[in-house]
C-alpha atoms as a PDB file:
ATOM      1  CA  UNK A   1     -25.153  70.727 -71.986  1.00  0.00           C
ATOM      2  CA  UNK A   2     -27.365  69.569 -68.960  1.00  0.00           C
ATOM      3  CA  UNK A   3     -28.564  66.566 -71.005  1.00  0.00           C
ATOM      4  CA  UNK A   4     -25.070  65.434 -71.624  1.00  0.00           C
ATOM      5  CA  UNK A   5     -24.783  65.154 -67.882  1.00  0.00           C
ATOM      6  CA  UNK A   6     -27.842  63.028 -67.212  1.00  0.00           C
ATOM      7  CA  UNK A   7     -27.152  61.099 -70.240  1.00  0.00           C
ATOM      8  CA  UNK A   8     -23.485  60.397 -68.532  1.00  0.00           C
ATOM      9  CA  UNK A   9     -24.973  59.982 -65.410  1.00  0.00           C
ATOM     10  CA  UNK A  10     -27.541  57.430 -66.682  1.00  0.00           C
ATOM     11  CA  UNK A  11     -24.991  55.331 -68.819  1.00  0.00           C
ATOM     12  CA  UNK A  12     -22.552  55.319 -65.417  1.00  0.00           C
ATOM     13  CA  UNK A  13     -25.504  53.983 -63.306  1.00  0.00           C
ATOM     14  CA  UNK A  14     -26.671  51.303 -66.132  1.00  0.00           C
ATOM     15  CA  UNK A  15     -22.715  50.134 -66.563  1.00  0.00           C
ATOM     16  CA  UNK A  16     -22.400  49.970 -62.424  1.00  0.00           C
ATOM     17  CA  UNK A  17     -25.772  48.027 -62.110  1.00  0.00           C
ATOM     18  CA  UNK A  18     -24.502  45.512 -64.899  1.00  0.00           C
ATOM     19  CA  UNK A  19     -21.063  45.243 -63.304  1.00  0.00           C
ATOM     20  CA  UNK A  20     -22.443  44.550 -59.708  1.00  0.00           C
ATOM     21  CA  UNK A  21     -25.267  41.996 -61.516  1.00  0.00           C
ATOM     22  CA  UNK A  22     -22.238  40.261 -63.302  1.00  0.00           C
ATOM     23  CA  UNK A  23     -20.444  40.002 -60.050  1.00  0.00           C
ATOM     24  CA  UNK A  24     -23.288  38.502 -58.124  1.00  0.00           C
ATOM     25  CA  UNK A  25     -24.261  36.385 -60.849  1.00  0.00           C
ATOM     26  CA  UNK A  26     -20.679  34.666 -60.853  1.00  0.00           C
ATOM     27  CA  UNK A  27     -20.092  34.344 -57.250  1.00  0.00           C
ATOM     28  CA  UNK A  28     -23.799  32.799 -57.023  1.00  0.00           C
ATOM     29  CA  UNK A  29     -23.188  30.507 -59.723  1.00  0.00           C
ATOM     30  CA  UNK A  30     -20.006  29.398 -57.771  1.00  0.00           C
ATOM     31  CA  UNK A  31     -22.140  28.937 -54.627  1.00  0.00           C
ATOM     32  CA  UNK A  32     -24.861  26.862 -56.471  1.00  0.00           C
ATOM     33  CA  UNK A  33     -22.084  24.847 -57.847  1.00  0.00           C
ATOM     34  CA  UNK A  34     -20.549  24.062 -54.631  1.00  0.00           C
ATOM     35  CA  UNK A  35     -23.847  23.355 -53.104  1.00  0.00           C
ATOM     36  CA  UNK A  36     -24.890  20.785 -55.585  1.00  0.00           C
ATOM     37  CA  UNK A  37     -21.632  19.097 -55.308  1.00  0.00           C
ATOM     38  CA  UNK A  38     -22.025  18.837 -51.687  1.00  0.00           C
ATOM     39  CA  UNK A  39     -25.691  17.468 -51.954  1.00  0.00           C
ATOM     40  CA  UNK A  40     -24.297  14.839 -54.657  1.00  0.00           C
ATOM     41  CA  UNK A  41     -21.508  13.680 -52.249  1.00  0.00           C
ATOM     42  CA  UNK A  42     -24.140  13.296 -49.296  1.00  0.00           C
ATOM     43  CA  UNK A  43     -26.365  10.999 -51.450  1.00  0.00           C
ATOM     44  CA  UNK A  44     -26.233   7.252 -50.851  1.00  0.00           C
ATOM     45  CA  UNK A  45     -26.202   4.829 -53.787  1.00  0.00           C
ATOM     46  CA  UNK A  46     -29.334   2.795 -52.363  1.00  0.00           C
ATOM     47  CA  UNK A  47     -31.267   6.268 -51.679  1.00  0.00           C
ATOM     48  CA  UNK A  48     -30.253   8.496 -54.681  1.00  0.00           C
ATOM     49  CA  UNK A  49     -33.480  10.959 -53.947  1.00  0.00           C
ATOM     50  CA  UNK A  50     -32.358  11.523 -50.158  1.00  0.00           C
ATOM     51  CA  UNK A  51     -33.341  15.265 -50.252  1.00  0.00           C
ATOM     52  CA  UNK A  52     -35.407  15.275 -47.084  1.00  0.00           C
ATOM     53  CA  UNK A  53     -33.124  15.106 -43.996  1.00  0.00           C
ATOM     54  CA  UNK A  54     -35.976  13.446 -41.871  1.00  0.00           C
ATOM     55  CA  UNK A  55     -35.916  10.593 -44.400  1.00  0.00           C
ATOM     56  CA  UNK A  56     -32.051  10.242 -43.989  1.00  0.00           C
ATOM     57  CA  UNK A  57     -32.142  10.181 -40.064  1.00  0.00           C
ATOM     58  CA  UNK A  58     -35.066   7.782 -39.792  1.00  0.00           C
ATOM     59  CA  UNK A  59     -37.339  10.319 -38.335  1.00  0.00           C
ATOM     60  CA  UNK A  60     -40.445   9.164 -40.222  1.00  0.00           C
ATOM     61  CA  UNK A  61     -43.713   9.950 -38.407  1.00  0.00           C
ATOM     62  CA  UNK A  62     -47.092   8.946 -39.609  1.00  0.00           C
END
């Protein structure tokens, strides 16, 4: 009987972990999508690879 308790507890923990993992993955994918949209909207046509904020501000040193 005790084996069934541990089996059910283990299955319950794995199911809970999968639910939390799925929720975090779903929300994280939405965050990444919105960040990529924001980055794409900030890029100018003449400088499509403007990932460095120092280059965008013109603070080039060196």
